[in-house]
Protein backbone atom coordinates (compact mmCIF):
# COMPACT_ATOMS: atom_id res chain seq x y z
CA MET A 1 -47.23 -92.85 162.84
CA ALA A 2 -44.11 -91.03 161.72
CA THR A 3 -40.96 -91.13 163.82
CA ALA A 4 -40.19 -88.38 166.33
CA GLY A 5 -39.96 -84.98 164.68
CA GLU A 6 -41.63 -86.17 161.47
CA ILE A 7 -45.23 -86.28 160.33
CA ALA A 8 -47.14 -88.28 157.75
CA ILE A 9 -50.08 -87.00 155.73
CA GLY A 10 -52.39 -89.60 154.25
CA ILE A 11 -53.69 -88.80 150.74
CA CYS A 12 -56.70 -90.78 149.55
CA ALA A 13 -55.88 -92.33 146.19
CA VAL A 14 -58.13 -92.62 143.16
CA ARG A 15 -58.87 -96.14 141.85
CA GLU A 16 -59.40 -95.89 138.10
CA ARG A 17 -58.20 -97.34 134.83
CA ALA A 18 -54.72 -96.10 133.91
CA ARG A 19 -51.98 -96.67 131.34
CA TRP A 20 -48.23 -96.64 131.90
CA ALA A 21 -45.25 -98.35 130.24
CA PHE A 22 -46.71 -101.56 128.75
CA TRP A 23 -49.73 -101.73 131.06
CA ASP A 24 -53.40 -100.74 130.87
CA GLN A 25 -55.23 -101.73 134.04
CA THR A 26 -56.91 -100.50 137.22
CA ALA A 27 -54.52 -98.58 139.46
CA HIS A 28 -54.47 -96.49 142.65
CA LEU A 29 -53.40 -92.99 141.65
CA VAL A 30 -52.51 -89.62 143.15
CA ALA A 31 -51.30 -86.78 140.93
CA ASP A 32 -47.78 -85.62 141.69
CA THR A 33 -48.99 -82.06 142.32
CA TYR A 34 -50.72 -83.23 145.52
CA VAL A 35 -47.76 -85.31 146.66
CA TYR A 36 -45.27 -82.53 145.94
CA ALA A 37 -47.38 -79.96 147.80
CA ILE A 38 -47.24 -82.10 150.94
CA GLN A 39 -43.56 -82.97 150.58
CA THR A 40 -42.60 -79.29 150.31
CA THR A 41 -43.87 -78.82 153.88
CA GLY A 42 -41.39 -81.43 155.15
CA ALA A 43 -44.14 -83.99 155.76
CA HIS A 44 -44.20 -87.51 154.34
CA ALA A 45 -46.99 -88.18 151.83
CA LEU A 46 -48.60 -91.61 152.28
CA LEU A 47 -50.94 -92.80 149.55
CA LEU A 48 -54.05 -94.50 150.93
CA PRO A 49 -55.61 -96.97 148.46
CA VAL A 50 -59.35 -97.61 148.50
CA ASP A 51 -59.99 -100.18 151.23
CA ALA A 52 -63.38 -101.63 152.20
CA ARG A 53 -62.23 -102.38 155.75
CA ALA A 54 -62.70 -100.10 158.77
CA PRO A 55 -60.51 -96.96 158.49
CA GLU A 56 -59.10 -96.90 162.02
CA ALA A 57 -55.98 -98.86 161.11
CA LEU A 58 -55.06 -96.27 158.46
CA LEU A 59 -55.67 -93.31 160.76
CA ASP A 60 -53.32 -94.87 163.32
CA ARG A 61 -50.53 -94.32 160.80
CA VAL A 62 -51.07 -90.71 159.76
CA ASP A 63 -51.08 -87.29 161.40
CA GLY A 64 -53.34 -85.62 158.83
CA LEU A 65 -55.76 -86.66 156.10
CA MET A 66 -56.17 -85.09 152.64
CA VAL A 67 -59.02 -85.99 150.29
CA ILE A 68 -58.37 -84.83 146.74
CA GLY A 69 -60.30 -84.03 143.55
CA GLY A 70 -61.77 -86.39 141.00
CA ALA A 71 -65.04 -87.98 139.97
CA ASP A 72 -68.50 -86.90 141.10
CA LEU A 73 -69.92 -88.47 144.24
CA ASP A 74 -72.76 -90.93 143.65
CA PRO A 75 -75.89 -88.86 144.46
CA GLU A 76 -77.33 -91.84 146.33
CA VAL A 77 -74.83 -91.23 149.15
CA TYR A 78 -76.54 -87.91 149.86
CA GLY A 79 -80.08 -89.11 149.22
CA GLN A 80 -80.70 -87.77 145.72
CA SER A 81 -81.53 -89.23 142.34
CA ARG A 82 -78.90 -89.03 139.65
CA SER A 83 -79.06 -85.91 137.47
CA GLU A 84 -78.57 -86.22 133.72
CA TYR A 85 -75.48 -84.04 134.23
CA THR A 86 -73.85 -86.22 136.90
CA GLU A 87 -70.65 -87.69 135.54
CA THR A 88 -68.77 -90.93 136.25
CA THR A 89 -68.97 -92.08 139.86
CA TYR A 90 -67.10 -94.69 141.90
CA ARG A 91 -69.20 -95.88 144.82
CA ASP A 92 -66.39 -97.85 146.50
CA ARG A 93 -64.22 -94.73 146.61
CA ASP A 94 -67.12 -92.68 147.98
CA GLU A 95 -67.80 -95.09 150.81
CA PHE A 96 -64.12 -95.47 151.70
CA GLU A 97 -63.49 -91.73 151.84
CA LEU A 98 -66.74 -90.99 153.69
CA ALA A 99 -65.91 -93.52 156.40
CA LEU A 100 -62.32 -92.31 156.67
CA THR A 101 -63.39 -88.63 156.83
CA ARG A 102 -65.98 -89.23 159.55
CA ALA A 103 -63.50 -91.23 161.61
CA ALA A 104 -60.80 -88.56 161.17
CA ILE A 105 -63.13 -85.78 162.35
CA GLU A 106 -64.22 -87.85 165.34
CA ARG A 107 -60.57 -88.38 166.30
CA GLY A 108 -59.56 -84.78 165.69
CA VAL A 109 -57.16 -85.71 162.89
CA PRO A 110 -56.42 -82.58 160.79
CA PHE A 111 -58.37 -82.75 157.53
CA LEU A 112 -57.99 -80.94 154.21
CA GLY A 113 -60.50 -81.55 151.42
CA ILE A 114 -59.72 -80.26 147.92
CA CYS A 115 -62.45 -79.82 145.27
CA ARG A 116 -64.28 -83.19 145.42
CA GLY A 117 -62.71 -83.51 148.88
CA MET A 118 -64.60 -80.42 150.07
CA GLN A 119 -67.84 -81.78 148.62
CA LEU A 120 -67.21 -85.12 150.30
CA LEU A 121 -66.64 -83.39 153.65
CA ASN A 122 -70.04 -81.73 153.29
CA VAL A 123 -71.74 -85.02 152.42
CA ALA A 124 -69.94 -86.86 155.25
CA LEU A 125 -71.66 -84.53 157.70
CA GLY A 126 -75.11 -84.86 156.17
CA GLY A 127 -75.01 -82.16 153.49
CA THR A 128 -76.02 -82.30 149.83
CA LEU A 129 -74.64 -81.09 146.50
CA GLU A 130 -75.89 -79.08 143.56
CA GLN A 131 -75.30 -81.61 140.81
CA HIS A 132 -74.63 -79.19 137.96
CA LEU A 133 -73.38 -75.64 138.36
CA VAL A 134 -74.55 -73.15 135.73
CA GLY A 135 -74.40 -69.36 135.98
CA GLU A 136 -77.04 -66.87 134.89
CA ASP A 137 -75.39 -66.72 131.47
CA GLY A 138 -75.75 -70.48 131.04
CA GLN A 139 -72.01 -71.03 131.44
CA ASN A 140 -69.91 -72.53 134.23
CA SER A 141 -67.08 -70.13 135.04
CA HIS A 142 -65.62 -72.69 137.48
CA ARG A 143 -64.77 -75.25 134.78
CA ARG A 144 -64.39 -73.83 131.30
CA VAL A 145 -62.14 -76.42 129.62
CA ILE A 146 -62.15 -80.07 130.71
CA GLY A 147 -58.75 -81.12 132.03
CA THR A 148 -57.29 -77.63 132.51
CA PHE A 149 -57.70 -74.62 134.79
CA ALA A 150 -57.74 -72.25 131.82
CA GLY A 151 -59.94 -69.21 132.32
CA THR A 152 -61.07 -70.11 135.84
CA GLU A 153 -59.03 -67.57 137.81
CA HIS A 154 -61.38 -65.88 140.27
CA VAL A 155 -61.40 -64.02 143.57
CA ILE A 156 -62.59 -65.57 146.83
CA ASP A 157 -63.63 -63.50 149.84
CA LEU A 158 -62.72 -65.22 153.10
CA GLY A 159 -64.54 -64.73 156.38
CA ALA A 160 -62.75 -62.56 158.93
CA GLY A 161 -61.06 -64.72 161.56
CA SER A 162 -61.99 -67.96 159.79
CA LEU A 163 -59.67 -70.94 159.61
CA ALA A 164 -59.47 -70.38 155.86
CA GLU A 165 -58.33 -66.78 156.29
CA ARG A 166 -55.79 -67.73 158.96
CA ALA A 167 -54.43 -70.62 156.89
CA LEU A 168 -54.05 -68.53 153.74
CA GLY A 169 -52.90 -65.40 155.54
CA GLU A 170 -55.13 -63.05 153.56
CA PRO A 171 -58.80 -61.97 153.45
CA VAL A 172 -59.06 -62.19 149.66
CA HIS A 173 -57.57 -65.06 147.70
CA GLU A 174 -57.22 -65.66 143.96
CA ALA A 175 -57.60 -69.27 142.90
CA ARG A 176 -58.11 -71.63 139.97
CA CYS A 177 -60.71 -74.36 139.96
CA HIS A 178 -62.18 -77.24 137.95
CA HIS A 179 -65.64 -78.27 139.17
CA HIS A 180 -69.17 -78.51 137.85
CA GLN A 181 -70.85 -79.24 141.18
CA ALA A 182 -71.17 -77.18 144.34
CA ILE A 183 -72.36 -77.18 147.94
CA ASP A 184 -76.14 -77.14 148.32
CA ARG A 185 -77.36 -77.87 151.86
CA LEU A 186 -74.57 -77.59 154.42
CA GLY A 187 -73.62 -80.56 156.56
CA GLU A 188 -74.11 -80.47 160.32
CA GLY A 189 -71.73 -78.16 162.14
CA LEU A 190 -70.24 -76.68 158.96
CA ILE A 191 -70.11 -73.04 157.89
CA VAL A 192 -69.24 -71.43 154.58
CA SER A 193 -66.14 -69.37 155.30
CA GLY A 194 -65.34 -68.23 151.77
CA ARG A 195 -67.28 -67.45 148.60
CA ALA A 196 -66.51 -66.57 145.02
CA ARG A 197 -67.95 -63.27 143.81
CA ASP A 198 -70.77 -65.21 142.09
CA GLY A 199 -71.85 -66.59 145.46
CA VAL A 200 -70.53 -70.14 145.08
CA ALA A 201 -69.21 -71.59 148.35
CA GLU A 202 -65.43 -71.95 148.04
CA THR A 203 -64.43 -72.90 151.59
CA ILE A 204 -66.23 -74.74 154.37
CA GLU A 205 -65.07 -75.54 157.90
CA LEU A 206 -66.39 -76.73 161.24
CA ARG A 207 -68.08 -74.01 163.27
CA ASP A 208 -66.95 -75.54 166.57
CA GLY A 209 -65.55 -78.93 167.23
CA PRO A 210 -62.22 -80.64 167.59
CA GLY A 211 -59.36 -80.47 165.20
CA TRP A 212 -58.41 -78.59 162.06
CA VAL A 213 -61.04 -79.28 159.38
CA LEU A 214 -61.13 -77.33 156.14
CA GLY A 215 -62.51 -77.85 152.64
CA VAL A 216 -61.56 -75.71 149.64
CA GLN A 217 -63.36 -75.93 146.31
CA TRP A 218 -60.37 -74.76 144.26
CA HIS A 219 -57.06 -76.50 143.55
CA PRO A 220 -54.29 -75.00 145.73
CA GLU A 221 -51.84 -77.69 144.59
CA ALA A 222 -51.99 -76.18 141.09
CA GLY A 223 -50.56 -72.84 142.20
CA ASP A 224 -47.23 -71.59 143.48
CA LYS A 225 -48.39 -70.58 146.95
CA ARG A 226 -47.89 -73.10 149.75
CA GLU A 227 -49.37 -71.27 152.76
CA LEU A 228 -52.42 -73.52 152.95
CA PHE A 229 -50.34 -76.70 152.94
CA GLU A 230 -47.93 -75.23 155.49
CA ALA A 231 -50.85 -74.46 157.81
CA PHE A 232 -52.22 -77.97 157.32
CA ALA A 233 -48.84 -79.54 158.06
CA GLU A 234 -48.45 -77.39 161.17
CA ALA A 235 -51.83 -78.62 162.42
CA ALA A 236 -50.64 -82.19 161.77
CA ARG A 237 -47.49 -81.52 163.80
CA ASP A 238 -49.59 -80.23 166.68
CA TYR A 239 -51.79 -83.32 166.46
CA ALA A 240 -48.76 -85.64 166.43
CA ALA A 241 -47.29 -83.92 169.49
CA ALA A 242 -50.50 -83.90 171.55
CA PRO A 243 -50.95 -86.61 174.20
CA ARG A 244 -53.67 -89.16 173.36
């Protein structure tokens, strides 16, 4: 846990092959955009490497948990067969983040899921995913060019009074995204609190229940606005200050 007056946000790292300097090997990675977004709130960003052990020891050391974007979830974790369109998966990462997310929600640790992180939140609570998102025109307006957000700007309508609306401070939000999967069946206790104009679920949150729990399908770390991260950090400060 952070020292008095400070908070620490745990960010689940990706374990994948990477190259840097003279090296080409497996590494635990978090893009700087995520780290910077947390640091701008005054919180410490702690990178959490994939760990097969029970997650409680990690949650003892953080005041909030953020699960970030990346590879598809293995469809087996939500009881489906693999689609021909499902991309690379990392089962060890899935299982680590699912266990950590469930434990965080049970404890009331503030949780923010971004892109894959929102999908993982849904699966952690028993939901499923649409494995390949295609519009009526046969195109996916939510991921046009692999590796960039080019051409994905779209409007999201947020539910009145929802956590998403309160965190962002506006009823309509413009965002950029990079995903080819989407929420299918909602997990237990979750509601869709924001949708794109094409009907795709863009935010989910707990209907009732302890803590601050929010998933967003877009990439807020890629923009200039920091309201969402400020709201998340404030929830973490409240959690750190609460008697337990």
